[in-house]
C-alpha atoms as a PDB file:
ATOM      1  CA  MET A   1      16.835   6.382  -1.790  1.00  0.00           C
ATOM      2  CA  GLY A   2      13.503   8.168  -2.092  1.00  0.00           C
ATOM      3  CA  SER A   3      14.378  11.531  -0.650  1.00  0.00           C
ATOM      4  CA  GLU A   4      14.381  13.502  -3.897  1.00  0.00           C
ATOM      5  CA  ASN A   5      12.185  16.586  -4.242  1.00  0.00           C
ATOM      6  CA  PHE A   6       9.522  16.490  -6.964  1.00  0.00           C
ATOM      7  CA  ASP A   7       7.329  18.947  -8.596  1.00  0.00           C
ATOM      8  CA  SER A   8       4.280  19.332  -6.218  1.00  0.00           C
ATOM      9  CA  MET A   9       1.971  19.724  -9.127  1.00  0.00           C
ATOM     10  CA  VAL A  10       2.464  16.301 -10.663  1.00  0.00           C
ATOM     11  CA  PRO A  11       0.647  13.235  -9.253  1.00  0.00           C
ATOM     12  CA  ALA A  12       2.613  10.902  -6.947  1.00  0.00           C
ATOM     13  CA  LEU A  13       1.331   7.963  -8.881  1.00  0.00           C
ATOM     14  CA  GLU A  14      -0.652   7.857 -12.236  1.00  0.00           C
ATOM     15  CA  VAL A  15      -1.995   4.631 -13.534  1.00  0.00           C
ATOM     16  CA  ASN A  16      -3.228   4.357 -17.142  1.00  0.00           C
ATOM     17  CA  GLY A  17      -5.200   1.353 -18.521  1.00  0.00           C
ATOM     18  CA  LEU A  18      -3.545  -1.134 -16.222  1.00  0.00           C
ATOM     19  CA  THR A  19      -4.587  -4.788 -16.836  1.00  0.00           C
ATOM     20  CA  VAL A  20      -3.540  -7.991 -14.893  1.00  0.00           C
ATOM     21  CA  ARG A  21      -4.322 -11.416 -16.333  1.00  0.00           C
ATOM     22  CA  PHE A  22      -3.565 -14.869 -14.924  1.00  0.00           C
ATOM     23  CA  PRO A  23      -3.268 -17.967 -17.197  1.00  0.00           C
ATOM     24  CA  ILE A  24      -5.846 -20.712 -16.840  1.00  0.00           C
ATOM     25  CA  ARG A  25      -4.038 -23.985 -17.538  1.00  0.00           C
ATOM     26  CA  GLY A  26      -5.444 -27.559 -18.322  1.00  0.00           C
ATOM     27  CA  GLY A  27      -4.794 -30.779 -20.064  1.00  0.00           C
ATOM     28  CA  VAL A  28      -2.056 -33.270 -19.629  1.00  0.00           C
ATOM     29  CA  PHE A  29       0.711 -30.788 -20.412  1.00  0.00           C
ATOM     30  CA  SER A  30      -0.883 -27.911 -18.440  1.00  0.00           C
ATOM     31  CA  LYS A  31      -1.085 -25.757 -21.465  1.00  0.00           C
ATOM     32  CA  VAL A  32      -2.640 -22.313 -21.256  1.00  0.00           C
ATOM     33  CA  LYS A  33      -6.283 -22.616 -22.175  1.00  0.00           C
ATOM     34  CA  ASP A  34      -7.516 -19.137 -21.385  1.00  0.00           C
ATOM     35  CA  TYR A  35      -6.808 -16.132 -19.201  1.00  0.00           C
ATOM     36  CA  PHE A  36      -8.518 -14.803 -16.131  1.00  0.00           C
ATOM     37  CA  THR A  37      -8.616 -11.004 -16.054  1.00  0.00           C
ATOM     38  CA  ALA A  38      -8.181  -9.820 -12.428  1.00  0.00           C
ATOM     39  CA  VAL A  39      -7.764  -6.189 -13.087  1.00  0.00           C
ATOM     40  CA  ASP A  40      -9.209  -4.715 -16.327  1.00  0.00           C
ATOM     41  CA  ASP A  41      -8.202  -1.333 -17.851  1.00  0.00           C
ATOM     42  CA  VAL A  42      -7.826   0.555 -14.511  1.00  0.00           C
ATOM     43  CA  SER A  43      -6.868   4.196 -14.550  1.00  0.00           C
ATOM     44  CA  PHE A  44      -6.521   6.723 -11.608  1.00  0.00           C
ATOM     45  CA  THR A  45      -4.111   9.311 -10.110  1.00  0.00           C
ATOM     46  CA  LEU A  46      -2.811   9.528  -6.488  1.00  0.00           C
ATOM     47  CA  SER A  47      -2.114  13.201  -5.670  1.00  0.00           C
ATOM     48  CA  GLN A  48       0.968  14.034  -3.675  1.00  0.00           C
ATOM     49  CA  GLY A  49       0.366  14.098   0.155  1.00  0.00           C
ATOM     50  CA  LYS A  50      -3.144  12.549  -0.214  1.00  0.00           C
ATOM     51  CA  ILE A  51      -4.730   9.277   0.795  1.00  0.00           C
ATOM     52  CA  LEU A  52      -6.603   7.445  -2.028  1.00  0.00           C
ATOM     53  CA  SER A  53      -8.646   4.463  -0.753  1.00  0.00           C
ATOM     54  CA  ILE A  54      -9.558   1.482  -3.163  1.00  0.00           C
ATOM     55  CA  VAL A  55     -12.594  -0.307  -1.925  1.00  0.00           C
ATOM     56  CA  GLY A  56     -14.683  -3.262  -2.986  1.00  0.00           C
ATOM     57  CA  GLU A  57     -15.554  -6.766  -1.942  1.00  0.00           C
ATOM     58  CA  SER A  58     -13.017  -9.631  -1.581  1.00  0.00           C
ATOM     59  CA  GLY A  59     -11.912 -10.727  -5.043  1.00  0.00           C
ATOM     60  CA  CYS A  60     -12.563  -7.544  -6.821  1.00  0.00           C
ATOM     61  CA  GLY A  61      -8.884  -6.963  -7.765  1.00  0.00           C
ATOM     62  CA  LYS A  62      -7.820  -4.497  -5.073  1.00  0.00           C
ATOM     63  CA  SER A  63      -4.709  -6.448  -3.842  1.00  0.00           C
ATOM     64  CA  THR A  64      -3.789  -7.684  -7.278  1.00  0.00           C
ATOM     65  CA  LEU A  65      -3.716  -4.006  -8.471  1.00  0.00           C
ATOM     66  CA  VAL A  66      -1.300  -2.827  -5.831  1.00  0.00           C
ATOM     67  CA  LYS A  67       0.895  -5.870  -6.021  1.00  0.00           C
ATOM     68  CA  SER A  68       1.308  -5.209  -9.663  1.00  0.00           C
ATOM     69  CA  LEU A  69       2.725  -1.678  -8.971  1.00  0.00           C
ATOM     70  CA  VAL A  70       5.631  -3.255  -7.035  1.00  0.00           C
ATOM     71  CA  GLY A  71       6.269  -6.129  -9.379  1.00  0.00           C
ATOM     72  CA  LEU A  72       4.796  -8.906  -7.334  1.00  0.00           C
ATOM     73  CA  VAL A  73       2.419  -9.806 -10.233  1.00  0.00           C
ATOM     74  CA  PRO A  74       3.110  -9.047 -13.920  1.00  0.00           C
ATOM     75  CA  ILE A  75       1.236  -6.346 -15.778  1.00  0.00           C
ATOM     76  CA  ALA A  76      -0.386  -7.483 -18.965  1.00  0.00           C
ATOM     77  CA  LYS A  77      -1.274  -4.109 -20.387  1.00  0.00           C
ATOM     78  CA  GLY A  78      -1.059  -0.496 -19.419  1.00  0.00           C
ATOM     79  CA  SER A  79       1.487   1.575 -17.664  1.00  0.00           C
ATOM     80  CA  PHE A  80       2.070   3.795 -14.618  1.00  0.00           C
ATOM     81  CA  SER A  81       4.359   6.644 -13.678  1.00  0.00           C
ATOM     82  CA  LEU A  82       5.760   8.059 -10.368  1.00  0.00           C
ATOM     83  CA  PHE A  83       6.012  11.793  -9.996  1.00  0.00           C
ATOM     84  CA  GLY A  84       5.643  12.246 -13.751  1.00  0.00           C
ATOM     85  CA  MET A  85       8.308   9.725 -14.497  1.00  0.00           C
ATOM     86  CA  ALA A  86       7.511   6.582 -16.502  1.00  0.00           C
ATOM     87  CA  VAL A  87       8.129   3.231 -14.836  1.00  0.00           C
ATOM     88  CA  LYS A  88       9.704   0.414 -16.974  1.00  0.00           C
ATOM     89  CA  ASP A  89      11.212  -2.969 -15.770  1.00  0.00           C
ATOM     90  CA  GLY A  90      10.943  -1.898 -12.098  1.00  0.00           C
ATOM     91  CA  LYS A  91      12.835   1.329 -12.544  1.00  0.00           C
ATOM     92  CA  VAL A  92      11.987   4.953 -12.966  1.00  0.00           C
ATOM     93  CA  ASP A  93      13.457   7.117 -15.679  1.00  0.00           C
ATOM     94  CA  SER A  94      14.717   9.956 -13.532  1.00  0.00           C
ATOM     95  CA  PRO A  95      16.399  12.915 -15.282  1.00  0.00           C
ATOM     96  CA  LYS A  96      19.353  12.508 -12.828  1.00  0.00           C
ATOM     97  CA  LYS A  97      19.770   8.822 -12.427  1.00  0.00           C
ATOM     98  CA  SER A  98      17.891   5.573 -12.773  1.00  0.00           C
ATOM     99  CA  VAL A  99      15.789   5.016  -9.638  1.00  0.00           C
ATOM    100  CA  ARG A 100      14.294   1.669  -8.470  1.00  0.00           C
ATOM    101  CA  VAL A 101      10.507   1.671  -7.862  1.00  0.00           C
ATOM    102  CA  SER A 102      11.297   0.131  -4.457  1.00  0.00           C
ATOM    103  CA  ASP A 103      13.235   3.354  -3.459  1.00  0.00           C
ATOM    104  CA  LEU A 104      10.121   5.441  -4.072  1.00  0.00           C
ATOM    105  CA  VAL A 105       7.335   2.962  -3.233  1.00  0.00           C
ATOM    106  CA  GLN A 106       6.924   0.550  -0.329  1.00  0.00           C
ATOM    107  CA  MET A 107       4.120  -1.888   0.501  1.00  0.00           C
ATOM    108  CA  ILE A 108       2.661  -2.819   3.866  1.00  0.00           C
ATOM    109  CA  PHE A 109       0.796  -6.049   3.927  1.00  0.00           C
ATOM    110  CA  GLN A 110      -2.329  -7.283   5.688  1.00  0.00           C
ATOM    111  CA  ASP A 111      -0.660  -9.931   7.966  1.00  0.00           C
ATOM    112  CA  PRO A 112       2.288  -8.443   9.779  1.00  0.00           C
ATOM    113  CA  PHE A 113       3.449 -11.798  11.089  1.00  0.00           C
ATOM    114  CA  SER A 114       3.670 -13.485   7.714  1.00  0.00           C
ATOM    115  CA  SER A 115       5.441 -10.616   6.192  1.00  0.00           C
ATOM    116  CA  LEU A 116       8.293 -10.699   8.712  1.00  0.00           C
ATOM    117  CA  ASN A 117      11.113 -13.183   8.872  1.00  0.00           C
ATOM    118  CA  PRO A 118      10.676 -15.137  12.097  1.00  0.00           C
ATOM    119  CA  ARG A 119      14.328 -15.987  12.188  1.00  0.00           C
ATOM    120  CA  GLN A 120      15.617 -12.457  12.096  1.00  0.00           C
ATOM    121  CA  THR A 121      15.791  -9.838  14.889  1.00  0.00           C
ATOM    122  CA  VAL A 122      14.288  -6.444  14.457  1.00  0.00           C
ATOM    123  CA  THR A 123      17.869  -5.102  13.888  1.00  0.00           C
ATOM    124  CA  GLU A 124      18.280  -7.485  10.923  1.00  0.00           C
ATOM    125  CA  ILE A 125      14.804  -6.806   9.535  1.00  0.00           C
ATOM    126  CA  LEU A 126      15.146  -3.004   9.526  1.00  0.00           C
ATOM    127  CA  THR A 127      18.732  -2.615   8.517  1.00  0.00           C
ATOM    128  CA  ALA A 128      18.739  -5.061   5.637  1.00  0.00           C
ATOM    129  CA  PRO A 129      17.079  -2.759   3.132  1.00  0.00           C
ATOM    130  CA  VAL A 130      19.458   0.206   3.576  1.00  0.00           C
ATOM    131  CA  ILE A 131      22.655  -1.969   4.068  1.00  0.00           C
ATOM    132  CA  ALA A 132      21.767  -3.429   0.556  1.00  0.00           C
ATOM    133  CA  ARG A 133      21.763   0.095  -0.747  1.00  0.00           C
ATOM    134  CA  GLY A 134      25.382   0.761   0.505  1.00  0.00           C
ATOM    135  CA  PHE A 135      24.781   2.277   3.909  1.00  0.00           C
ATOM    136  CA  SER A 136      26.944   1.184   6.854  1.00  0.00           C
ATOM    137  CA  PHE A 137      25.731  -0.952   9.740  1.00  0.00           C
ATOM    138  CA  ASP A 138      25.973   1.974  12.180  1.00  0.00           C
ATOM    139  CA  GLU A 139      24.105   4.427   9.982  1.00  0.00           C
ATOM    140  CA  SER A 140      21.412   1.706   9.345  1.00  0.00           C
ATOM    141  CA  CYS A 141      21.029   1.126  13.118  1.00  0.00           C
ATOM    142  CA  LYS A 142      20.757   4.836  13.871  1.00  0.00           C
ATOM    143  CA  ARG A 143      17.952   5.100  11.184  1.00  0.00           C
ATOM    144  CA  ALA A 144      16.177   2.140  12.697  1.00  0.00           C
ATOM    145  CA  ARG A 145      16.183   3.432  16.175  1.00  0.00           C
ATOM    146  CA  GLU A 146      14.789   6.739  15.008  1.00  0.00           C
ATOM    147  CA  LEU A 147      11.963   4.976  13.155  1.00  0.00           C
ATOM    148  CA  LEU A 148      11.110   2.698  16.099  1.00  0.00           C
ATOM    149  CA  ASP A 149      10.748   5.793  18.205  1.00  0.00           C
ATOM    150  CA  ARG A 150       8.546   7.337  15.507  1.00  0.00           C
ATOM    151  CA  VAL A 151       6.162   4.320  15.481  1.00  0.00           C
ATOM    152  CA  SER A 152       6.173   4.254  19.235  1.00  0.00           C
ATOM    153  CA  LEU A 153       8.221   1.089  19.809  1.00  0.00           C
ATOM    154  CA  PRO A 154      11.032   1.032  22.402  1.00  0.00           C
ATOM    155  CA  ALA A 155      14.755   0.997  21.439  1.00  0.00           C
ATOM    156  CA  GLY A 156      15.010  -2.282  23.267  1.00  0.00           C
ATOM    157  CA  ALA A 157      12.952  -3.864  20.595  1.00  0.00           C
ATOM    158  CA  MET A 158      16.074  -4.024  18.325  1.00  0.00           C
ATOM    159  CA  ASP A 159      17.170  -7.284  19.689  1.00  0.00           C
ATOM    160  CA  LYS A 160      13.835  -9.065  19.693  1.00  0.00           C
ATOM    161  CA  PHE A 161      12.147 -11.432  17.223  1.00  0.00           C
ATOM    162  CA  PRO A 162       8.764 -10.897  15.593  1.00  0.00           C
ATOM    163  CA  HIS A 163       7.007 -13.512  17.725  1.00  0.00           C
ATOM    164  CA  GLU A 164       7.802 -11.456  20.846  1.00  0.00           C
ATOM    165  CA  PHE A 165       5.412  -8.601  19.819  1.00  0.00           C
ATOM    166  CA  SER A 166       1.731  -8.252  19.689  1.00  0.00           C
ATOM    167  CA  GLY A 167      -0.190  -7.960  16.348  1.00  0.00           C
ATOM    168  CA  GLY A 168      -0.331  -4.189  16.605  1.00  0.00           C
ATOM    169  CA  GLN A 169       3.330  -3.930  17.439  1.00  0.00           C
ATOM    170  CA  ARG A 170       4.289  -6.097  14.527  1.00  0.00           C
ATOM    171  CA  GLN A 171       2.238  -3.816  12.204  1.00  0.00           C
ATOM    172  CA  ARG A 172       4.155  -0.841  13.623  1.00  0.00           C
ATOM    173  CA  LEU A 173       7.422  -2.732  12.970  1.00  0.00           C
ATOM    174  CA  CYS A 174       6.267  -3.358   9.340  1.00  0.00           C
ATOM    175  CA  ILE A 175       5.522   0.350   8.902  1.00  0.00           C
ATOM    176  CA  ALA A 176       9.044   1.226  10.358  1.00  0.00           C
ATOM    177  CA  ARG A 177      10.586  -1.187   7.895  1.00  0.00           C
ATOM    178  CA  SER A 178       8.739   0.233   4.959  1.00  0.00           C
ATOM    179  CA  LEU A 179      10.110   3.804   5.910  1.00  0.00           C
ATOM    180  CA  MET A 180      13.704   2.711   6.162  1.00  0.00           C
ATOM    181  CA  VAL A 181      14.469   3.627   2.522  1.00  0.00           C
ATOM    182  CA  ARG A 182      12.540   6.925   2.855  1.00  0.00           C
ATOM    183  CA  PRO A 183       9.888   6.165   0.211  1.00  0.00           C
ATOM    184  CA  LYS A 184       7.444   8.789  -1.055  1.00  0.00           C
ATOM    185  CA  VAL A 185       4.463   6.501  -1.540  1.00  0.00           C
ATOM    186  CA  LEU A 186       3.019   3.718   0.725  1.00  0.00           C
ATOM    187  CA  LEU A 187       0.802   0.988  -0.588  1.00  0.00           C
ATOM    188  CA  CYS A 188      -1.309  -0.206   2.359  1.00  0.00           C
ATOM    189  CA  ASP A 189      -2.993  -3.587   1.672  1.00  0.00           C
ATOM    190  CA  GLU A 190      -5.778  -4.122   4.307  1.00  0.00           C
ATOM    191  CA  VAL A 191      -3.213  -3.236   6.994  1.00  0.00           C
ATOM    192  CA  THR A 192      -5.778  -3.008   9.863  1.00  0.00           C
ATOM    193  CA  SER A 193      -8.061  -5.903   9.028  1.00  0.00           C
ATOM    194  CA  ALA A 194      -6.088  -8.501  11.007  1.00  0.00           C
ATOM    195  CA  LEU A 195      -6.025  -6.208  14.200  1.00  0.00           C
ATOM    196  CA  ASP A 196      -8.297  -5.521  17.046  1.00  0.00           C
ATOM    197  CA  VAL A 197     -10.636  -2.517  16.709  1.00  0.00           C
ATOM    198  CA  SER A 198      -8.749  -0.394  19.353  1.00  0.00           C
ATOM    199  CA  VAL A 199      -5.454  -1.134  17.662  1.00  0.00           C
ATOM    200  CA  GLN A 200      -6.798  -0.439  14.185  1.00  0.00           C
ATOM    201  CA  ALA A 201      -7.465   3.112  15.313  1.00  0.00           C
ATOM    202  CA  GLN A 202      -3.905   3.617  16.602  1.00  0.00           C
ATOM    203  CA  ILE A 203      -2.483   2.307  13.329  1.00  0.00           C
ATOM    204  CA  LEU A 204      -4.726   4.632  11.322  1.00  0.00           C
ATOM    205  CA  HIS A 205      -3.709   7.563  13.324  1.00  0.00           C
ATOM    206  CA  LEU A 206      -0.059   6.641  12.958  1.00  0.00           C
ATOM    207  CA  LEU A 207      -0.436   6.435   9.182  1.00  0.00           C
ATOM    208  CA  ASP A 208      -2.076   9.811   8.969  1.00  0.00           C
ATOM    209  CA  ASP A 209       0.535  11.444  11.216  1.00  0.00           C
ATOM    210  CA  LEU A 210       3.239   9.938   9.024  1.00  0.00           C
ATOM    211  CA  ARG A 211       1.600  11.208   5.929  1.00  0.00           C
ATOM    212  CA  ARG A 212       1.614  14.799   7.222  1.00  0.00           C
ATOM    213  CA  ASP A 213       5.015  14.736   8.843  1.00  0.00           C
ATOM    214  CA  LEU A 214       6.867  12.938   6.090  1.00  0.00           C
ATOM    215  CA  GLY A 215       4.807  14.191   2.988  1.00  0.00           C
ATOM    216  CA  LEU A 216       3.870  10.705   2.028  1.00  0.00           C
ATOM    217  CA  SER A 217       1.233   9.715  -0.470  1.00  0.00           C
ATOM    218  CA  ILE A 218      -0.834   6.675   0.546  1.00  0.00           C
ATOM    219  CA  LEU A 219      -2.803   4.170  -1.577  1.00  0.00           C
ATOM    220  CA  PHE A 220      -5.124   2.522   1.052  1.00  0.00           C
ATOM    221  CA  ILE A 221      -6.701  -0.815   0.235  1.00  0.00           C
ATOM    222  CA  SER A 222      -9.751  -1.737   2.382  1.00  0.00           C
ATOM    223  CA  HIS A 223     -13.215  -3.212   2.522  1.00  0.00           C
ATOM    224  CA  ASP A 224     -14.064  -1.353   5.705  1.00  0.00           C
ATOM    225  CA  MET A 225     -16.131   1.594   4.685  1.00  0.00           C
ATOM    226  CA  GLN A 226     -16.019   3.185   8.150  1.00  0.00           C
ATOM    227  CA  VAL A 227     -12.206   3.191   8.005  1.00  0.00           C
ATOM    228  CA  VAL A 228     -12.277   4.607   4.493  1.00  0.00           C
ATOM    229  CA  ARG A 229     -14.669   7.454   5.431  1.00  0.00           C
ATOM    230  CA  ALA A 230     -12.430   8.443   8.353  1.00  0.00           C
ATOM    231  CA  LEU A 231      -9.056   8.386   6.414  1.00  0.00           C
ATOM    232  CA  SER A 232      -9.575   9.116   2.775  1.00  0.00           C
ATOM    233  CA  ASP A 233      -9.135  12.162   0.595  1.00  0.00           C
ATOM    234  CA  ASP A 234     -10.359  10.251  -2.535  1.00  0.00           C
ATOM    235  CA  VAL A 235     -12.131   6.933  -3.143  1.00  0.00           C
ATOM    236  CA  LEU A 236     -12.001   4.500  -6.002  1.00  0.00           C
ATOM    237  CA  VAL A 237     -14.627   1.661  -6.112  1.00  0.00           C
ATOM    238  CA  MET A 238     -13.732  -1.630  -7.858  1.00  0.00           C
ATOM    239  CA  TYR A 239     -16.080  -4.311  -8.958  1.00  0.00           C
ATOM    240  CA  PHE A 240     -14.830  -7.542 -10.644  1.00  0.00           C
ATOM    241  CA  GLY A 241     -11.541  -5.790 -11.779  1.00  0.00           C
ATOM    242  CA  HIS A 242     -13.239  -2.642 -13.180  1.00  0.00           C
ATOM    243  CA  VAL A 243     -13.434   0.818 -11.736  1.00  0.00           C
ATOM    244  CA  VAL A 244     -17.178   1.720 -11.284  1.00  0.00           C
ATOM    245  CA  GLU A 245     -16.800   4.979  -9.356  1.00  0.00           C
ATOM    246  CA  HIS A 246     -13.980   7.425  -8.546  1.00  0.00           C
ATOM    247  CA  GLY A 247     -14.040  10.735  -6.819  1.00  0.00           C
ATOM    248  CA  PRO A 248     -13.576  12.851  -3.672  1.00  0.00           C
ATOM    249  CA  ALA A 249     -14.357  10.823  -0.534  1.00  0.00           C
ATOM    250  CA  ASP A 250     -17.147  13.131   0.620  1.00  0.00           C
ATOM    251  CA  GLU A 251     -18.963  12.866  -2.739  1.00  0.00           C
ATOM    252  CA  VAL A 252     -18.591   9.037  -3.302  1.00  0.00           C
ATOM    253  CA  LEU A 253     -19.537   8.163   0.282  1.00  0.00           C
ATOM    254  CA  THR A 254     -22.468  10.557   0.753  1.00  0.00           C
ATOM    255  CA  ASN A 255     -23.883  10.658  -2.785  1.00  0.00           C
ATOM    256  CA  PRO A 256     -22.854   7.632  -4.648  1.00  0.00           C
ATOM    257  CA  GLN A 257     -23.641   7.501  -8.386  1.00  0.00           C
ATOM    258  CA  ASN A 258     -23.151   3.734  -8.945  1.00  0.00           C
ATOM    259  CA  GLU A 259     -25.597   1.070  -7.684  1.00  0.00           C
ATOM    260  CA  TYR A 260     -22.679  -1.159  -6.509  1.00  0.00           C
ATOM    261  CA  THR A 261     -21.263   1.638  -4.402  1.00  0.00           C
ATOM    262  CA  GLU A 262     -24.753   2.160  -2.803  1.00  0.00           C
ATOM    263  CA  LYS A 263     -24.766  -1.571  -1.895  1.00  0.00           C
ATOM    264  CA  LEU A 264     -21.363  -1.385  -0.379  1.00  0.00           C
ATOM    265  CA  LEU A 265     -22.454   1.545   1.799  1.00  0.00           C
ATOM    266  CA  ALA A 266     -25.682  -0.207   2.695  1.00  0.00           C
ATOM    267  CA  SER A 267     -23.684  -3.248   3.890  1.00  0.00           C
ATOM    268  CA  VAL A 268     -22.035  -1.247   6.716  1.00  0.00           C
ATOM    269  CA  PRO A 269     -23.409  -2.424  10.075  1.00  0.00           C
ATOM    270  CA  THR A 270     -25.352   0.158  12.098  1.00  0.00           C
ATOM    271  CA  ILE A 271     -27.030   0.195  15.534  1.00  0.00           C
ATOM    272  CA  ARG A 272     -30.706   0.815  15.297  1.00  0.00           C
ATOM    273  CA  ARG A 273     -33.274   1.233  17.993  1.00  0.00           C
ATOM    274  CA  ASP A 274     -36.684   0.142  17.033  1.00  0.00           C
END
């Protein structure tokens, strides 16, 4: 699993010219008439141990971009590497052995309820990924209990089903599941947008603590500029599939160089006294 030690000087994730297209079909036989480009020639790096936030309005290609990194949507053009190692066909060309991308990278989705199998107990949900990698049931359960404690869920949760938890608890469960294989990179796709504001803060603090304690690198997708400001080391701004601005969070959020970034920041609600 993703417990290898890597050169700290190389980026955790490096994306080069990544493009994602979806076919537009029409006619009697649903032939491909054209292509819609959802992500167009995107390049960036995520440094080890850092949080890079990708921001932009709905439909700008944020989620499509991160899904392409874990194989949920096909990449039309471009490439990416993990810790300096090229990725091809869902595997990393490690000098020691072939490593699956899923051993190094895990994704946490926006809606915790729809991303959990309602027919499985927490024990089944958490142990399945590591049992599939050859670990025993007892070893898997021990790891699951440790992670439940780390995300502040009781050990008694092991026998429960997803519907027995609140939204915030389900997202904690999703975070625990993502950590079962000891990944080095987390892709967080709007992980707080479906939660109450008070619960959002708890989840954000949890992610930041995990980043520091476990040495994780996090790609954080959001449209909430307040959250991005509080959490990020670097920010990348997307508009209609393109990168329009990229840099340290303090610079991008306090002195934006692109008109679209300025509009995004201006859209953040404020309380004014006239």
